[in-house]
All heavy atoms as atom14 arrays in JSON, in Angstrom:
{
  "sequence": "PLPAPAPLAADDATVEAIAQAIRSGGKAALLLGGQALREDALLAA",
  "atom14_mask": [
    [1, 1, 1, 1, 1, 1, 1, 0, 0, 0, 0, 0, 0, 0],
    [1, 1, 1, 1, 1, 1, 1, 1, 0, 0, 0, 0, 0, 0],
    [1, 1, 1, 1, 1, 1, 1, 0, 0, 0, 0, 0, 0, 0],
    [1, 1, 1, 1, 1, 0, 0, 0, 0, 0, 0, 0, 0, 0],
    [1, 1, 1, 1, 1, 1, 1, 0, 0, 0, 0, 0, 0, 0],
    [1, 1, 1, 1, 1, 0, 0, 0, 0, 0, 0, 0, 0, 0],
    [1, 1, 1, 1, 1, 1, 1, 0, 0, 0, 0, 0, 0, 0],
    [1, 1, 1, 1, 1, 1, 1, 1, 0, 0, 0, 0, 0, 0],
    [1, 1, 1, 1, 1, 0, 0, 0, 0, 0, 0, 0, 0, 0],
    [1, 1, 1, 1, 1, 0, 0, 0, 0, 0, 0, 0, 0, 0],
    [1, 1, 1, 1, 1, 1, 1, 1, 0, 0, 0, 0, 0, 0],
    [1, 1, 1, 1, 1, 1, 1, 1, 0, 0, 0, 0, 0, 0],
    [1, 1, 1, 1, 1, 0, 0, 0, 0, 0, 0, 0, 0, 0],
    [1, 1, 1, 1, 1, 1, 1, 0, 0, 0, 0, 0, 0, 0],
    [1, 1, 1, 1, 1, 1, 1, 0, 0, 0, 0, 0, 0, 0],
    [1, 1, 1, 1, 1, 1, 1, 1, 1, 0, 0, 0, 0, 0],
    [1, 1, 1, 1, 1, 0, 0, 0, 0, 0, 0, 0, 0, 0],
    [1, 1, 1, 1, 1, 1, 1, 1, 0, 0, 0, 0, 0, 0],
    [1, 1, 1, 1, 1, 0, 0, 0, 0, 0, 0, 0, 0, 0],
    [1, 1, 1, 1, 1, 1, 1, 1, 1, 0, 0, 0, 0, 0],
    [1, 1, 1, 1, 1, 0, 0, 0, 0, 0, 0, 0, 0, 0],
    [1, 1, 1, 1, 1, 1, 1, 1, 0, 0, 0, 0, 0, 0],
    [1, 1, 1, 1, 1, 1, 1, 1, 1, 1, 1, 0, 0, 0],
    [1, 1, 1, 1, 1, 1, 0, 0, 0, 0, 0, 0, 0, 0],
    [1, 1, 1, 1, 0, 0, 0, 0, 0, 0, 0, 0, 0, 0],
    [1, 1, 1, 1, 0, 0, 0, 0, 0, 0, 0, 0, 0, 0],
    [1, 1, 1, 1, 1, 1, 1, 1, 1, 0, 0, 0, 0, 0],
    [1, 1, 1, 1, 1, 0, 0, 0, 0, 0, 0, 0, 0, 0],
    [1, 1, 1, 1, 1, 0, 0, 0, 0, 0, 0, 0, 0, 0],
    [1, 1, 1, 1, 1, 1, 1, 1, 0, 0, 0, 0, 0, 0],
    [1, 1, 1, 1, 1, 1, 1, 1, 0, 0, 0, 0, 0, 0],
    [1, 1, 1, 1, 1, 1, 1, 1, 0, 0, 0, 0, 0, 0],
    [1, 1, 1, 1, 0, 0, 0, 0, 0, 0, 0, 0, 0, 0],
    [1, 1, 1, 1, 0, 0, 0, 0, 0, 0, 0, 0, 0, 0],
    [1, 1, 1, 1, 1, 1, 1, 1, 1, 0, 0, 0, 0, 0],
    [1, 1, 1, 1, 1, 0, 0, 0, 0, 0, 0, 0, 0, 0],
    [1, 1, 1, 1, 1, 1, 1, 1, 0, 0, 0, 0, 0, 0],
    [1, 1, 1, 1, 1, 1, 1, 1, 1, 1, 1, 0, 0, 0],
    [1, 1, 1, 1, 1, 1, 1, 1, 1, 0, 0, 0, 0, 0],
    [1, 1, 1, 1, 1, 1, 1, 1, 0, 0, 0, 0, 0, 0],
    [1, 1, 1, 1, 1, 0, 0, 0, 0, 0, 0, 0, 0, 0],
    [1, 1, 1, 1, 1, 1, 1, 1, 0, 0, 0, 0, 0, 0],
    [1, 1, 1, 1, 1, 1, 1, 1, 0, 0, 0, 0, 0, 0],
    [1, 1, 1, 1, 1, 0, 0, 0, 0, 0, 0, 0, 0, 0],
    [1, 1, 1, 1, 1, 0, 0, 0, 0, 0, 0, 0, 0, 0]
  ],
  "atom14_positions": [
    [[7.83, 29.6, 6.02], [6.92, 28.7, 5.31], [6.91, 27.31, 5.92], [7.91, 26.85, 6.49], [7.47, 28.68, 3.88], [8.88, 29.15, 4.0], [8.93, 30.08, 5.16], [0.0, 0.0, 0.0], [0.0, 0.0, 0.0], [0.0, 0.0, 0.0], [0.0, 0.0, 0.0], [0.0, 0.0, 0.0], [0.0, 0.0, 0.0], [0.0, 0.0, 0.0]],
    [[5.78, 26.65, 5.79], [5.66, 25.28, 6.27], [6.27, 24.31, 5.27], [6.2, 24.55, 4.05], [4.18, 24.93, 6.49], [3.43, 25.79, 7.51], [1.95, 25.42, 7.52], [4.03, 25.62, 8.9], [0.0, 0.0, 0.0], [0.0, 0.0, 0.0], [0.0, 0.0, 0.0], [0.0, 0.0, 0.0], [0.0, 0.0, 0.0], [0.0, 0.0, 0.0]],
    [[6.86, 23.22, 5.71], [7.41, 22.24, 4.76], [6.3, 21.59, 3.95], [5.21, 21.32, 4.46], [8.12, 21.23, 5.67], [7.47, 21.38, 7.01], [7.06, 22.81, 7.12], [0.0, 0.0, 0.0], [0.0, 0.0, 0.0], [0.0, 0.0, 0.0], [0.0, 0.0, 0.0], [0.0, 0.0, 0.0], [0.0, 0.0, 0.0], [0.0, 0.0, 0.0]],
    [[6.59, 21.35, 2.68], [5.6, 20.73, 1.8], [5.76, 19.22, 1.84], [6.85, 18.71, 1.57], [5.77, 21.23, 0.37], [0.0, 0.0, 0.0], [0.0, 0.0, 0.0], [0.0, 0.0, 0.0], [0.0, 0.0, 0.0], [0.0, 0.0, 0.0], [0.0, 0.0, 0.0], [0.0, 0.0, 0.0], [0.0, 0.0, 0.0], [0.0, 0.0, 0.0]],
    [[4.71, 18.48, 2.18], [4.82, 17.02, 2.19], [4.97, 16.48, 0.77], [4.35, 16.99, -0.17], [3.51, 16.56, 2.83], [2.55, 17.69, 2.57], [3.36, 18.94, 2.57], [0.0, 0.0, 0.0], [0.0, 0.0, 0.0], [0.0, 0.0, 0.0], [0.0, 0.0, 0.0], [0.0, 0.0, 0.0], [0.0, 0.0, 0.0], [0.0, 0.0, 0.0]],
    [[5.78, 15.46, 0.61], [5.96, 14.85, -0.72], [4.75, 14.0, -1.04], [4.31, 13.18, -0.21], [7.23, 14.0, -0.72], [0.0, 0.0, 0.0], [0.0, 0.0, 0.0], [0.0, 0.0, 0.0], [0.0, 0.0, 0.0], [0.0, 0.0, 0.0], [0.0, 0.0, 0.0], [0.0, 0.0, 0.0], [0.0, 0.0, 0.0], [0.0, 0.0, 0.0]],
    [[4.17, 14.14, -2.24], [3.01, 13.31, -2.6], [3.44, 11.85, -2.79], [4.57, 11.56, -3.19], [2.54, 13.92, -3.91], [3.75, 14.59, -4.48], [4.54, 15.08, -3.31], [0.0, 0.0, 0.0], [0.0, 0.0, 0.0], [0.0, 0.0, 0.0], [0.0, 0.0, 0.0], [0.0, 0.0, 0.0], [0.0, 0.0, 0.0], [0.0, 0.0, 0.0]],
    [[2.53, 10.95, -2.52], [2.8, 9.52, -2.62], [2.37, 8.99, -3.98], [1.39, 9.45, -4.57], [2.07, 8.77, -1.51], [2.43, 9.15, -0.07], [1.54, 8.39, 0.91], [3.9, 8.87, 0.21], [0.0, 0.0, 0.0], [0.0, 0.0, 0.0], [0.0, 0.0, 0.0], [0.0, 0.0, 0.0], [0.0, 0.0, 0.0], [0.0, 0.0, 0.0]],
    [[3.1, 8.0, -4.45], [2.69, 7.28, -5.65], [1.63, 6.23, -5.29], [1.39, 5.94, -4.11], [3.91, 6.6, -6.28], [0.0, 0.0, 0.0], [0.0, 0.0, 0.0], [0.0, 0.0, 0.0], [0.0, 0.0, 0.0], [0.0, 0.0, 0.0], [0.0, 0.0, 0.0], [0.0, 0.0, 0.0], [0.0, 0.0, 0.0], [0.0, 0.0, 0.0]],
    [[1.01, 5.66, -6.3], [0.05, 4.58, -6.07], [0.73, 3.42, -5.35], [1.92, 3.15, -5.57], [-0.5, 4.09, -7.41], [0.0, 0.0, 0.0], [0.0, 0.0, 0.0], [0.0, 0.0, 0.0], [0.0, 0.0, 0.0], [0.0, 0.0, 0.0], [0.0, 0.0, 0.0], [0.0, 0.0, 0.0], [0.0, 0.0, 0.0], [0.0, 0.0, 0.0]],
    [[0.0, 2.74, -4.46], [0.6, 1.64, -3.72], [0.76, 0.41, -4.63], [0.17, 0.33, -5.72], [-0.2, 1.3, -2.47], [-1.64, 0.89, -2.77], [-1.86, 0.08, -3.68], [-2.54, 1.39, -2.08], [0.0, 0.0, 0.0], [0.0, 0.0, 0.0], [0.0, 0.0, 0.0], [0.0, 0.0, 0.0], [0.0, 0.0, 0.0], [0.0, 0.0, 0.0]],
    [[1.55, -0.52, -4.17], [1.89, -1.69, -4.99], [0.66, -2.5, -5.38], [0.56, -3.0, -6.51], [2.88, -2.59, -4.25], [4.23, -1.92, -4.06], [4.49, -0.91, -4.75], [5.03, -2.42, -3.24], [0.0, 0.0, 0.0], [0.0, 0.0, 0.0], [0.0, 0.0, 0.0], [0.0, 0.0, 0.0], [0.0, 0.0, 0.0], [0.0, 0.0, 0.0]],
    [[-0.29, -2.64, -4.45], [-1.49, -3.44, -4.73], [-2.32, -2.81, -5.86], [-2.83, -3.51, -6.74], [-2.32, -3.58, -3.47], [0.0, 0.0, 0.0], [0.0, 0.0, 0.0], [0.0, 0.0, 0.0], [0.0, 0.0, 0.0], [0.0, 0.0, 0.0], [0.0, 0.0, 0.0], [0.0, 0.0, 0.0], [0.0, 0.0, 0.0], [0.0, 0.0, 0.0]],
    [[-2.45, -1.48, -5.84], [-3.2, -0.79, -6.89], [-2.51, -0.96, -8.23], [-3.15, -1.25, -9.25], [-3.33, 0.7, -6.55], [-4.1, 0.84, -5.35], [-4.0, 1.47, -7.67], [0.0, 0.0, 0.0], [0.0, 0.0, 0.0], [0.0, 0.0, 0.0], [0.0, 0.0, 0.0], [0.0, 0.0, 0.0], [0.0, 0.0, 0.0], [0.0, 0.0, 0.0]],
    [[-1.2, -0.77, -8.25], [-0.44, -0.9, -9.5], [-0.57, -2.31, -10.07], [-0.81, -2.5, -11.28], [1.04, -0.54, -9.27], [1.88, -0.87, -10.5], [1.17, 0.94, -8.91], [0.0, 0.0, 0.0], [0.0, 0.0, 0.0], [0.0, 0.0, 0.0], [0.0, 0.0, 0.0], [0.0, 0.0, 0.0], [0.0, 0.0, 0.0], [0.0, 0.0, 0.0]],
    [[-0.48, -3.32, -9.22], [-0.57, -4.71, -9.7], [-1.97, -5.03, -10.2], [-2.13, -5.72, -11.23], [-0.16, -5.68, -8.59], [-0.15, -7.14, -9.02], [0.69, -7.4, -10.26], [1.74, -6.73, -10.44], [0.31, -8.26, -11.07], [0.0, 0.0, 0.0], [0.0, 0.0, 0.0], [0.0, 0.0, 0.0], [0.0, 0.0, 0.0], [0.0, 0.0, 0.0]],
    [[-2.99, -4.52, -9.53], [-4.37, -4.77, -9.97], [-4.61, -4.16, -11.35], [-5.26, -4.77, -12.22], [-5.36, -4.2, -8.95], [0.0, 0.0, 0.0], [0.0, 0.0, 0.0], [0.0, 0.0, 0.0], [0.0, 0.0, 0.0], [0.0, 0.0, 0.0], [0.0, 0.0, 0.0], [0.0, 0.0, 0.0], [0.0, 0.0, 0.0], [0.0, 0.0, 0.0]],
    [[-4.08, -2.97, -11.58], [-4.25, -2.33, -12.88], [-3.41, -3.03, -13.93], [-3.85, -3.21, -15.09], [-3.92, -0.82, -12.77], [-5.02, -0.13, -11.94], [-3.78, -0.18, -14.14], [-4.75, 1.3, -11.59], [0.0, 0.0, 0.0], [0.0, 0.0, 0.0], [0.0, 0.0, 0.0], [0.0, 0.0, 0.0], [0.0, 0.0, 0.0], [0.0, 0.0, 0.0]],
    [[-2.22, -3.46, -13.57], [-1.39, -4.23, -14.52], [-2.11, -5.5, -14.95], [-2.1, -5.87, -16.14], [-0.04, -4.55, -13.89], [0.0, 0.0, 0.0], [0.0, 0.0, 0.0], [0.0, 0.0, 0.0], [0.0, 0.0, 0.0], [0.0, 0.0, 0.0], [0.0, 0.0, 0.0], [0.0, 0.0, 0.0], [0.0, 0.0, 0.0], [0.0, 0.0, 0.0]],
    [[-2.76, -6.17, -14.02], [-3.51, -7.39, -14.35], [-4.67, -7.08, -15.28], [-4.95, -7.84, -16.22], [-4.01, -8.06, -13.08], [-2.9, -8.74, -12.28], [-3.45, -9.42, -11.03], [-4.67, -9.52, -10.85], [-2.56, -9.88, -10.16], [0.0, 0.0, 0.0], [0.0, 0.0, 0.0], [0.0, 0.0, 0.0], [0.0, 0.0, 0.0], [0.0, 0.0, 0.0]],
    [[-5.35, -5.96, -15.04], [-6.46, -5.58, -15.91], [-5.97, -5.33, -17.33], [-6.61, -5.74, -18.31], [-7.15, -4.32, -15.36], [0.0, 0.0, 0.0], [0.0, 0.0, 0.0], [0.0, 0.0, 0.0], [0.0, 0.0, 0.0], [0.0, 0.0, 0.0], [0.0, 0.0, 0.0], [0.0, 0.0, 0.0], [0.0, 0.0, 0.0], [0.0, 0.0, 0.0]],
    [[-4.83, -4.68, -17.47], [-4.27, -4.42, -18.81], [-3.84, -5.73, -19.46], [-4.07, -5.94, -20.66], [-3.09, -3.43, -18.7], [-3.6, -2.04, -18.29], [-2.32, -3.35, -20.02], [-2.52, -1.04, -18.0], [0.0, 0.0, 0.0], [0.0, 0.0, 0.0], [0.0, 0.0, 0.0], [0.0, 0.0, 0.0], [0.0, 0.0, 0.0], [0.0, 0.0, 0.0]],
    [[-3.26, -6.63, -18.68], [-2.81, -7.91, -19.24], [-3.98, -8.83, -19.61], [-3.8, -9.79, -20.35], [-1.93, -8.65, -18.21], [-0.59, -8.01, -17.92], [0.26, -8.98, -17.12], [1.33, -8.31, -16.41], [1.34, -8.03, -15.12], [0.29, -8.39, -14.37], [2.35, -7.41, -14.56], [0.0, 0.0, 0.0], [0.0, 0.0, 0.0], [0.0, 0.0, 0.0]],
    [[-5.16, -8.53, -19.11], [-6.3, -9.43, -19.32], [-6.72, -9.53, -20.78], [-7.46, -10.45, -21.15], [-7.49, -8.98, -18.47], [-8.04, -7.77, -18.98], [0.0, 0.0, 0.0], [0.0, 0.0, 0.0], [0.0, 0.0, 0.0], [0.0, 0.0, 0.0], [0.0, 0.0, 0.0], [0.0, 0.0, 0.0], [0.0, 0.0, 0.0], [0.0, 0.0, 0.0]],
    [[-6.31, -8.57, -21.57], [-6.61, -8.64, -23.0], [-7.79, -7.8, -23.42], [-7.99, -7.57, -24.62], [0.0, 0.0, 0.0], [0.0, 0.0, 0.0], [0.0, 0.0, 0.0], [0.0, 0.0, 0.0], [0.0, 0.0, 0.0], [0.0, 0.0, 0.0], [0.0, 0.0, 0.0], [0.0, 0.0, 0.0], [0.0, 0.0, 0.0], [0.0, 0.0, 0.0]],
    [[-8.61, -7.32, -22.48], [-9.71, -6.44, -22.83], [-9.2, -5.08, -23.27], [-8.1, -4.66, -22.89], [0.0, 0.0, 0.0], [0.0, 0.0, 0.0], [0.0, 0.0, 0.0], [0.0, 0.0, 0.0], [0.0, 0.0, 0.0], [0.0, 0.0, 0.0], [0.0, 0.0, 0.0], [0.0, 0.0, 0.0], [0.0, 0.0, 0.0], [0.0, 0.0, 0.0]],
    [[-9.99, -4.38, -24.03], [-9.59, -3.06, -24.51], [-9.49, -2.09, -23.33], [-10.45, -1.93, -22.56], [-10.6, -2.54, -25.53], [-10.19, -1.24, -26.2], [-11.19, -0.82, -27.28], [-10.79, 0.48, -27.93], [-11.8, 0.92, -28.93], [0.0, 0.0, 0.0], [0.0, 0.0, 0.0], [0.0, 0.0, 0.0], [0.0, 0.0, 0.0], [0.0, 0.0, 0.0]],
    [[-8.32, -1.47, -23.17], [-8.07, -0.6, -22.01], [-7.65, 0.78, -22.48], [-7.1, 0.95, -23.57], [-6.99, -1.2, -21.12], [0.0, 0.0, 0.0], [0.0, 0.0, 0.0], [0.0, 0.0, 0.0], [0.0, 0.0, 0.0], [0.0, 0.0, 0.0], [0.0, 0.0, 0.0], [0.0, 0.0, 0.0], [0.0, 0.0, 0.0], [0.0, 0.0, 0.0]],
    [[-7.92, 1.77, -21.64], [-7.51, 3.14, -21.93], [-7.04, 3.8, -20.65], [-7.59, 3.57, -19.57], [-8.67, 3.93, -22.54], [0.0, 0.0, 0.0], [0.0, 0.0, 0.0], [0.0, 0.0, 0.0], [0.0, 0.0, 0.0], [0.0, 0.0, 0.0], [0.0, 0.0, 0.0], [0.0, 0.0, 0.0], [0.0, 0.0, 0.0], [0.0, 0.0, 0.0]],
    [[-6.01, 4.63, -20.79], [-5.56, 5.5, -19.71], [-6.16, 6.88, -19.96], [-5.96, 7.47, -21.02], [-4.04, 5.62, -19.69], [-3.22, 4.4, -19.28], [-1.74, 4.65, -19.54], [-3.45, 4.08, -17.81], [0.0, 0.0, 0.0], [0.0, 0.0, 0.0], [0.0, 0.0, 0.0], [0.0, 0.0, 0.0], [0.0, 0.0, 0.0], [0.0, 0.0, 0.0]],
    [[-6.92, 7.4, -19.0], [-7.46, 8.75, -19.1], [-6.6, 9.66, -18.23], [-6.59, 9.55, -17.0], [-8.92, 8.79, -18.64], [-9.6, 10.17, -18.65], [-9.48, 10.85, -20.01], [-11.06, 10.06, -18.23], [0.0, 0.0, 0.0], [0.0, 0.0, 0.0], [0.0, 0.0, 0.0], [0.0, 0.0, 0.0], [0.0, 0.0, 0.0], [0.0, 0.0, 0.0]],
    [[-5.86, 10.55, -18.89], [-4.86, 11.38, -18.23], [-5.4, 12.78, -17.99], [-6.06, 13.37, -18.85], [-3.6, 11.46, -19.1], [-3.01, 10.14, -19.62], [-1.84, 10.42, -20.55], [-2.58, 9.26, -18.45], [0.0, 0.0, 0.0], [0.0, 0.0, 0.0], [0.0, 0.0, 0.0], [0.0, 0.0, 0.0], [0.0, 0.0, 0.0], [0.0, 0.0, 0.0]],
    [[-5.07, 13.33, -16.84], [-5.42, 14.71, -16.52], [-4.36, 15.32, -15.64], [-3.39, 14.66, -15.25], [0.0, 0.0, 0.0], [0.0, 0.0, 0.0], [0.0, 0.0, 0.0], [0.0, 0.0, 0.0], [0.0, 0.0, 0.0], [0.0, 0.0, 0.0], [0.0, 0.0, 0.0], [0.0, 0.0, 0.0], [0.0, 0.0, 0.0], [0.0, 0.0, 0.0]],
    [[-4.51, 16.59, -15.31], [-3.63, 17.26, -14.36], [-2.16, 17.06, -14.64], [-1.66, 17.29, -15.75], [0.0, 0.0, 0.0], [0.0, 0.0, 0.0], [0.0, 0.0, 0.0], [0.0, 0.0, 0.0], [0.0, 0.0, 0.0], [0.0, 0.0, 0.0], [0.0, 0.0, 0.0], [0.0, 0.0, 0.0], [0.0, 0.0, 0.0], [0.0, 0.0, 0.0]],
    [[-1.44, 16.57, -13.61], [0.0, 16.37, -13.71], [0.38, 15.25, -14.67], [1.53, 15.16, -15.08], [0.57, 16.08, -12.32], [0.38, 17.2, -11.3], [1.11, 18.47, -11.69], [2.26, 18.42, -12.11], [0.46, 19.61, -11.54], [0.0, 0.0, 0.0], [0.0, 0.0, 0.0], [0.0, 0.0, 0.0], [0.0, 0.0, 0.0], [0.0, 0.0, 0.0]],
    [[-0.55, 14.41, -15.03], [-0.25, 13.3, -15.94], [-0.09, 13.77, -17.38], [0.29, 12.97, -18.24], [-1.36, 12.26, -15.87], [0.0, 0.0, 0.0], [0.0, 0.0, 0.0], [0.0, 0.0, 0.0], [0.0, 0.0, 0.0], [0.0, 0.0, 0.0], [0.0, 0.0, 0.0], [0.0, 0.0, 0.0], [0.0, 0.0, 0.0], [0.0, 0.0, 0.0]],
    [[-0.33, 15.06, -17.65], [-0.19, 15.59, -19.0], [1.09, 16.4, -19.18], [1.23, 17.16, -20.13], [-1.42, 16.42, -19.37], [-2.7, 15.59, -19.51], [-3.92, 16.49, -19.65], [-2.61, 14.64, -20.7], [0.0, 0.0, 0.0], [0.0, 0.0, 0.0], [0.0, 0.0, 0.0], [0.0, 0.0, 0.0], [0.0, 0.0, 0.0], [0.0, 0.0, 0.0]],
    [[2.05, 16.21, -18.24], [3.38, 16.8, -18.38], [4.32, 15.78, -19.01], [4.05, 14.57, -19.02], [3.91, 17.22, -17.02], [3.01, 18.16, -16.25], [2.85, 19.53, -16.93], [2.03, 20.4, -16.12], [2.51, 21.18, -15.15], [3.82, 21.18, -14.89], [1.71, 21.95, -14.45], [0.0, 0.0, 0.0], [0.0, 0.0, 0.0], [0.0, 0.0, 0.0]],
    [[5.44, 16.24, -19.53], [6.3, 15.44, -20.4], [6.69, 14.09, -19.8], [6.53, 13.04, -20.44], [7.57, 16.22, -20.76], [8.5, 15.45, -21.68], [9.7, 16.25, -22.12], [9.83, 17.43, -21.73], [10.54, 15.7, -22.87], [0.0, 0.0, 0.0], [0.0, 0.0, 0.0], [0.0, 0.0, 0.0], [0.0, 0.0, 0.0], [0.0, 0.0, 0.0]],
    [[7.23, 14.06, -18.59], [7.71, 12.79, -18.02], [6.57, 11.79, -17.86], [6.74, 10.59, -18.15], [8.4, 13.03, -16.68], [9.73, 13.74, -16.84], [10.26, 13.78, -17.98], [10.26, 14.25, -15.84], [0.0, 0.0, 0.0], [0.0, 0.0, 0.0], [0.0, 0.0, 0.0], [0.0, 0.0, 0.0], [0.0, 0.0, 0.0], [0.0, 0.0, 0.0]],
    [[5.43, 12.26, -17.38], [4.28, 11.38, -17.22], [3.76, 10.91, -18.57], [3.38, 9.74, -18.74], [3.18, 12.09, -16.43], [0.0, 0.0, 0.0], [0.0, 0.0, 0.0], [0.0, 0.0, 0.0], [0.0, 0.0, 0.0], [0.0, 0.0, 0.0], [0.0, 0.0, 0.0], [0.0, 0.0, 0.0], [0.0, 0.0, 0.0], [0.0, 0.0, 0.0]],
    [[3.73, 11.79, -19.55], [3.28, 11.42, -20.89], [4.17, 10.34, -21.49], [3.69, 9.39, -22.13], [3.27, 12.64, -21.8], [2.13, 13.65, -21.59], [2.41, 14.92, -22.38], [0.79, 13.05, -22.0], [0.0, 0.0, 0.0], [0.0, 0.0, 0.0], [0.0, 0.0, 0.0], [0.0, 0.0, 0.0], [0.0, 0.0, 0.0], [0.0, 0.0, 0.0]],
    [[5.48, 10.47, -21.3], [6.4, 9.47, -21.85], [6.18, 8.11, -21.18], [6.22, 7.07, -21.84], [7.84, 9.94, -21.66], [8.27, 11.11, -22.56], [9.63, 11.64, -22.12], [8.31, 10.68, -24.03], [0.0, 0.0, 0.0], [0.0, 0.0, 0.0], [0.0, 0.0, 0.0], [0.0, 0.0, 0.0], [0.0, 0.0, 0.0], [0.0, 0.0, 0.0]],
    [[5.92, 8.12, -19.87], [5.64, 6.86, -19.18], [4.35, 6.24, -19.71], [4.28, 5.03, -19.99], [5.54, 7.1, -17.68], [0.0, 0.0, 0.0], [0.0, 0.0, 0.0], [0.0, 0.0, 0.0], [0.0, 0.0, 0.0], [0.0, 0.0, 0.0], [0.0, 0.0, 0.0], [0.0, 0.0, 0.0], [0.0, 0.0, 0.0], [0.0, 0.0, 0.0]],
    [[3.32, 7.06, -19.89], [2.05, 6.55, -20.42], [2.24, 6.02, -21.84], [1.65, 4.98, -22.21], [1.0, 7.65, -20.39], [0.0, 0.0, 0.0], [0.0, 0.0, 0.0], [0.0, 0.0, 0.0], [0.0, 0.0, 0.0], [0.0, 0.0, 0.0], [0.0, 0.0, 0.0], [0.0, 0.0, 0.0], [0.0, 0.0, 0.0], [0.0, 0.0, 0.0]]
  ]
}
């Protein structure tokens, strides 16, 4: 079998831009799908 590449997380710039959007005070929502609906990801959300 071929080695499976490890998936990457969001880069720092993307994470910070989204953090700023949430901090801005406007009404925000996380729309979760796929792997984001498993226990560890749900707890983080």
